[in-house]
C-alpha atoms as a PDB file:
ATOM      1  CA  MET A   1      65.401  87.945 174.585  1.00  0.00           C
ATOM      2  CA  ALA A   2      67.154  90.990 176.070  1.00  0.00           C
ATOM      3  CA  LYS A   3      66.728  94.421 174.503  1.00  0.00           C
ATOM      4  CA  HIS A   4      69.692  96.765 174.264  1.00  0.00           C
ATOM      5  CA  PHE A   5      69.064 100.416 174.924  1.00  0.00           C
ATOM      6  CA  LEU A   6      71.336 103.432 174.566  1.00  0.00           C
ATOM      7  CA  PRO A   7      70.859 106.351 176.964  1.00  0.00           C
ATOM      8  CA  ASP A   8      70.105 109.753 175.449  1.00  0.00           C
ATOM      9  CA  LEU A   9      71.776 112.986 176.587  1.00  0.00           C
ATOM     10  CA  PHE A  10      69.508 113.177 179.651  1.00  0.00           C
ATOM     11  CA  GLY A  11      70.075 109.596 180.806  1.00  0.00           C
ATOM     12  CA  ARG A  12      66.756 108.266 179.470  1.00  0.00           C
ATOM     13  CA  SER A  13      66.730 105.050 177.442  1.00  0.00           C
ATOM     14  CA  SER A  14      64.670 104.174 174.431  1.00  0.00           C
ATOM     15  CA  SER A  15      65.148 101.926 171.410  1.00  0.00           C
ATOM     16  CA  THR A  16      64.115 104.835 169.137  1.00  0.00           C
ATOM     17  CA  ASP A  17      66.832 107.045 170.688  1.00  0.00           C
ATOM     18  CA  MET A  18      69.446 104.699 169.297  1.00  0.00           C
ATOM     19  CA  PHE A  19      68.226 105.221 165.721  1.00  0.00           C
ATOM     20  CA  SER A  20      67.795 108.973 166.164  1.00  0.00           C
ATOM     21  CA  THR A  21      71.336 109.254 167.469  1.00  0.00           C
ATOM     22  CA  LEU A  22      72.660 107.191 164.585  1.00  0.00           C
ATOM     23  CA  GLN A  23      70.802 109.361 162.051  1.00  0.00           C
ATOM     24  CA  ARG A  24      72.176 112.570 163.603  1.00  0.00           C
ATOM     25  CA  GLU A  25      75.719 111.194 163.498  1.00  0.00           C
ATOM     26  CA  ILE A  26      75.370 110.171 159.832  1.00  0.00           C
ATOM     27  CA  ASP A  27      73.997 113.640 158.984  1.00  0.00           C
ATOM     28  CA  ARG A  28      76.876 115.284 160.888  1.00  0.00           C
ATOM     29  CA  VAL A  29      79.525 113.218 159.080  1.00  0.00           C
ATOM     30  CA  PHE A  30      78.166 114.139 155.637  1.00  0.00           C
ATOM     31  CA  SER A  31      77.760 117.779 156.653  1.00  0.00           C
ATOM     32  CA  ASP A  32      81.358 117.927 157.933  1.00  0.00           C
ATOM     33  CA  TYR A  33      82.639 116.240 154.768  1.00  0.00           C
ATOM     34  CA  SER A  34      80.874 118.673 152.436  1.00  0.00           C
ATOM     35  CA  ARG A  35      82.370 121.691 154.271  1.00  0.00           C
ATOM     36  CA  GLY A  36      85.876 120.519 153.403  1.00  0.00           C
ATOM     37  CA  VAL A  37      85.303 120.229 149.647  1.00  0.00           C
ATOM     38  CA  PRO A  38      86.912 123.042 147.606  1.00  0.00           C
ATOM     39  CA  ALA A  39      84.451 125.698 146.475  1.00  0.00           C
ATOM     40  CA  LEU A  40      85.358 126.166 142.823  1.00  0.00           C
ATOM     41  CA  GLY A  41      85.118 123.014 140.767  1.00  0.00           C
ATOM     42  CA  GLU A  42      82.250 121.775 142.931  1.00  0.00           C
ATOM     43  CA  PHE A  43      78.842 121.926 141.289  1.00  0.00           C
ATOM     44  CA  GLY A  44      75.890 122.598 143.535  1.00  0.00           C
ATOM     45  CA  LYS A  45      72.249 123.487 143.063  1.00  0.00           C
ATOM     46  CA  SER A  46      73.091 126.975 141.817  1.00  0.00           C
ATOM     47  CA  GLY A  47      76.418 126.431 140.045  1.00  0.00           C
ATOM     48  CA  LEU A  48      79.848 127.071 141.501  1.00  0.00           C
ATOM     49  CA  SER A  49      80.244 128.506 144.969  1.00  0.00           C
ATOM     50  CA  LEU A  50      82.285 131.701 145.340  1.00  0.00           C
ATOM     51  CA  LYS A  51      84.033 132.100 148.688  1.00  0.00           C
ATOM     52  CA  VAL A  52      84.840 135.670 149.716  1.00  0.00           C
ATOM     53  CA  ASN A  53      86.402 137.685 152.533  1.00  0.00           C
ATOM     54  CA  VAL A  54      84.967 141.084 153.432  1.00  0.00           C
ATOM     55  CA  ALA A  55      87.092 143.443 155.521  1.00  0.00           C
ATOM     56  CA  GLU A  56      86.611 147.024 156.622  1.00  0.00           C
ATOM     57  CA  THR A  57      89.378 149.538 157.238  1.00  0.00           C
ATOM     58  CA  ASP A  58      89.113 153.205 158.194  1.00  0.00           C
ATOM     59  CA  ALA A  59      89.320 154.164 154.519  1.00  0.00           C
ATOM     60  CA  ALA A  60      87.470 151.398 152.641  1.00  0.00           C
ATOM     61  CA  VAL A  61      85.514 148.170 152.500  1.00  0.00           C
ATOM     62  CA  GLU A  62      87.507 145.426 150.750  1.00  0.00           C
ATOM     63  CA  VAL A  63      86.014 142.315 149.177  1.00  0.00           C
ATOM     64  CA  THR A  64      88.496 139.583 148.227  1.00  0.00           C
ATOM     65  CA  ALA A  65      87.532 136.422 146.327  1.00  0.00           C
ATOM     66  CA  ASP A  66      89.673 133.436 145.347  1.00  0.00           C
ATOM     67  CA  ILE A  67      88.743 132.521 141.780  1.00  0.00           C
ATOM     68  CA  PRO A  68      91.425 130.110 140.518  1.00  0.00           C
ATOM     69  CA  GLY A  69      91.339 128.966 136.916  1.00  0.00           C
ATOM     70  CA  VAL A  70      89.238 131.897 135.703  1.00  0.00           C
ATOM     71  CA  ASP A  71      90.349 134.615 133.283  1.00  0.00           C
ATOM     72  CA  ALA A  72      89.771 138.274 134.171  1.00  0.00           C
ATOM     73  CA  LYS A  73      87.641 138.638 131.009  1.00  0.00           C
ATOM     74  CA  ASP A  74      85.215 136.031 132.436  1.00  0.00           C
ATOM     75  CA  ILE A  75      84.554 138.039 135.640  1.00  0.00           C
ATOM     76  CA  ASP A  76      81.822 140.666 135.837  1.00  0.00           C
ATOM     77  CA  VAL A  77      81.746 143.109 138.768  1.00  0.00           C
ATOM     78  CA  GLN A  78      78.796 145.495 139.045  1.00  0.00           C
ATOM     79  CA  LEU A  79      77.553 148.025 141.587  1.00  0.00           C
ATOM     80  CA  LYS A  80      73.872 148.915 141.273  1.00  0.00           C
ATOM     81  CA  ASP A  81      71.530 150.479 143.839  1.00  0.00           C
ATOM     82  CA  GLY A  82      73.889 149.763 146.726  1.00  0.00           C
ATOM     83  CA  VAL A  83      74.429 146.099 145.774  1.00  0.00           C
ATOM     84  CA  LEU A  84      77.836 144.776 144.689  1.00  0.00           C
ATOM     85  CA  THR A  85      77.559 141.719 142.418  1.00  0.00           C
ATOM     86  CA  ILE A  86      80.453 139.482 141.404  1.00  0.00           C
ATOM     87  CA  LYS A  87      79.672 136.902 138.751  1.00  0.00           C
ATOM     88  CA  GLY A  88      81.472 134.925 136.128  1.00  0.00           C
ATOM     89  CA  GLU A  89      82.082 131.642 134.458  1.00  0.00           C
ATOM     90  CA  LYS A  90      84.792 129.044 134.895  1.00  0.00           C
ATOM     91  CA  LYS A  91      85.852 127.174 131.762  1.00  0.00           C
ATOM     92  CA  VAL A  92      88.708 124.738 132.256  1.00  0.00           C
ATOM     93  CA  GLU A  93      89.812 121.987 129.918  1.00  0.00           C
ATOM     94  CA  THR A  94      92.950 119.892 130.252  1.00  0.00           C
ATOM     95  CA  ASP A  95      94.165 117.384 127.709  1.00  0.00           C
ATOM     96  CA  GLU A  96      96.917 115.117 128.970  1.00  0.00           C
ATOM     97  CA  LYS A  97      98.561 112.445 126.820  1.00  0.00           C
ATOM     98  CA  LYS A  98     100.840 109.945 128.462  1.00  0.00           C
ATOM     99  CA  LYS A  99     102.440 106.697 127.422  1.00  0.00           C
ATOM    100  CA  ASP A 100      99.559 104.290 128.111  1.00  0.00           C
ATOM    101  CA  TYR A 101      96.554 106.580 128.553  1.00  0.00           C
ATOM    102  CA  HIS A 102      94.803 109.706 127.345  1.00  0.00           C
ATOM    103  CA  VAL A 103      92.861 111.987 129.708  1.00  0.00           C
ATOM    104  CA  VAL A 104      90.589 114.914 128.874  1.00  0.00           C
ATOM    105  CA  GLU A 105      88.946 116.754 131.765  1.00  0.00           C
ATOM    106  CA  ARG A 106      86.511 119.646 131.518  1.00  0.00           C
ATOM    107  CA  SER A 107      85.043 121.853 134.205  1.00  0.00           C
ATOM    108  CA  TYR A 108      82.419 124.497 133.501  1.00  0.00           C
ATOM    109  CA  GLY A 109      80.173 126.491 135.761  1.00  0.00           C
ATOM    110  CA  MET A 110      78.728 129.868 136.665  1.00  0.00           C
ATOM    111  CA  PHE A 111      79.159 131.666 139.973  1.00  0.00           C
ATOM    112  CA  GLU A 112      77.508 134.746 141.442  1.00  0.00           C
ATOM    113  CA  ARG A 113      77.508 136.517 144.823  1.00  0.00           C
ATOM    114  CA  SER A 114      75.848 139.786 145.792  1.00  0.00           C
ATOM    115  CA  PHE A 115      76.454 142.039 148.793  1.00  0.00           C
ATOM    116  CA  THR A 116      74.612 145.068 150.105  1.00  0.00           C
ATOM    117  CA  ILE A 117      77.244 147.715 150.641  1.00  0.00           C
ATOM    118  CA  PRO A 118      77.147 150.488 153.250  1.00  0.00           C
ATOM    119  CA  ALA A 119      75.637 153.788 152.110  1.00  0.00           C
ATOM    120  CA  ASP A 120      78.812 155.616 153.153  1.00  0.00           C
ATOM    121  CA  VAL A 121      80.849 154.118 150.262  1.00  0.00           C
ATOM    122  CA  ASP A 122      81.916 156.347 147.361  1.00  0.00           C
ATOM    123  CA  ALA A 123      80.467 154.373 144.420  1.00  0.00           C
ATOM    124  CA  SER A 124      82.302 156.534 141.860  1.00  0.00           C
ATOM    125  CA  LYS A 125      85.719 155.375 143.129  1.00  0.00           C
ATOM    126  CA  VAL A 126      85.202 151.600 143.360  1.00  0.00           C
ATOM    127  CA  GLU A 127      88.115 149.616 141.899  1.00  0.00           C
ATOM    128  CA  ALA A 128      88.544 145.937 141.036  1.00  0.00           C
ATOM    129  CA  THR A 129      91.842 144.143 140.397  1.00  0.00           C
ATOM    130  CA  PHE A 130      92.476 140.519 139.465  1.00  0.00           C
ATOM    131  CA  ASP A 131      95.905 138.971 139.982  1.00  0.00           C
ATOM    132  CA  LYS A 132      96.972 135.309 140.199  1.00  0.00           C
ATOM    133  CA  GLY A 133      93.418 134.050 140.729  1.00  0.00           C
ATOM    134  CA  VAL A 134      92.493 136.597 143.408  1.00  0.00           C
ATOM    135  CA  LEU A 135      89.870 139.288 142.800  1.00  0.00           C
ATOM    136  CA  LYS A 136      90.050 142.344 145.060  1.00  0.00           C
ATOM    137  CA  VAL A 137      87.274 144.947 145.013  1.00  0.00           C
ATOM    138  CA  THR A 138      88.017 148.130 146.959  1.00  0.00           C
ATOM    139  CA  LEU A 139      85.057 150.319 147.915  1.00  0.00           C
ATOM    140  CA  PRO A 140      86.446 153.587 149.319  1.00  0.00           C
ATOM    141  CA  LYS A 141      84.475 155.307 152.067  1.00  0.00           C
ATOM    142  CA  LEU A 142      83.235 158.861 151.706  1.00  0.00           C
ATOM    143  CA  PRO A 143      85.343 161.382 153.668  1.00  0.00           C
ATOM    144  CA  ALA A 144      82.463 162.013 156.083  1.00  0.00           C
ATOM    145  CA  ALA A 145      82.277 158.281 156.893  1.00  0.00           C
ATOM    146  CA  GLN A 146      86.003 158.139 157.600  1.00  0.00           C
ATOM    147  CA  ALA A 147      85.674 160.958 160.132  1.00  0.00           C
ATOM    148  CA  LYS A 148      82.733 159.245 161.916  1.00  0.00           C
ATOM    149  CA  THR A 149      84.861 156.576 163.601  1.00  0.00           C
ATOM    150  CA  GLN A 150      85.202 157.309 167.279  1.00  0.00           C
ATOM    151  CA  LYS A 151      86.972 155.402 170.036  1.00  0.00           C
ATOM    152  CA  ILE A 152      84.706 154.622 172.977  1.00  0.00           C
ATOM    153  CA  SER A 153      86.384 153.814 176.260  1.00  0.00           C
ATOM    154  CA  VAL A 154      85.227 150.809 178.232  1.00  0.00           C
ATOM    155  CA  LYS A 155      84.948 151.323 181.970  1.00  0.00           C
ATOM    156  CA  SER A 156      85.257 148.476 184.412  1.00  0.00           C
ATOM    157  CA  GLY A 157      83.158 148.051 187.500  1.00  0.00           C
ATOM    158  CA  ALA A 158      79.462 148.317 188.246  1.00  0.00           C
END
């Protein structure tokens, strides 16, 4: 009886390589699938996942988070000892009655993310706004930090 072998990346053949390759591909497929699942509404080991963008301008550090389906009163933003924490709870319930069916869906979960902020941020002037499901936290820089930025020229050649 003939054995079938698949070559590995280096051209070697082994019957165990075939199963290792298959296992890696299965792991990759599930990993790729889970990356495409929306963050809020998905329950994980530690509750809901909060996806954020952090951007820095000359004047401030801006943290933006998409938090659809959450009320502003259910969001808690705190700055303590140089750590910005955004946490809250999502409570969604829909009740839909149609001709031949009745659907009730509920979604609950907690979320929390913390960030160490730069020391050159003016903690007394931090602002948070929430509009149409988007939280924006603006952490203004101290005047001395704004003046520190300096353009450095890049020279070509050896």
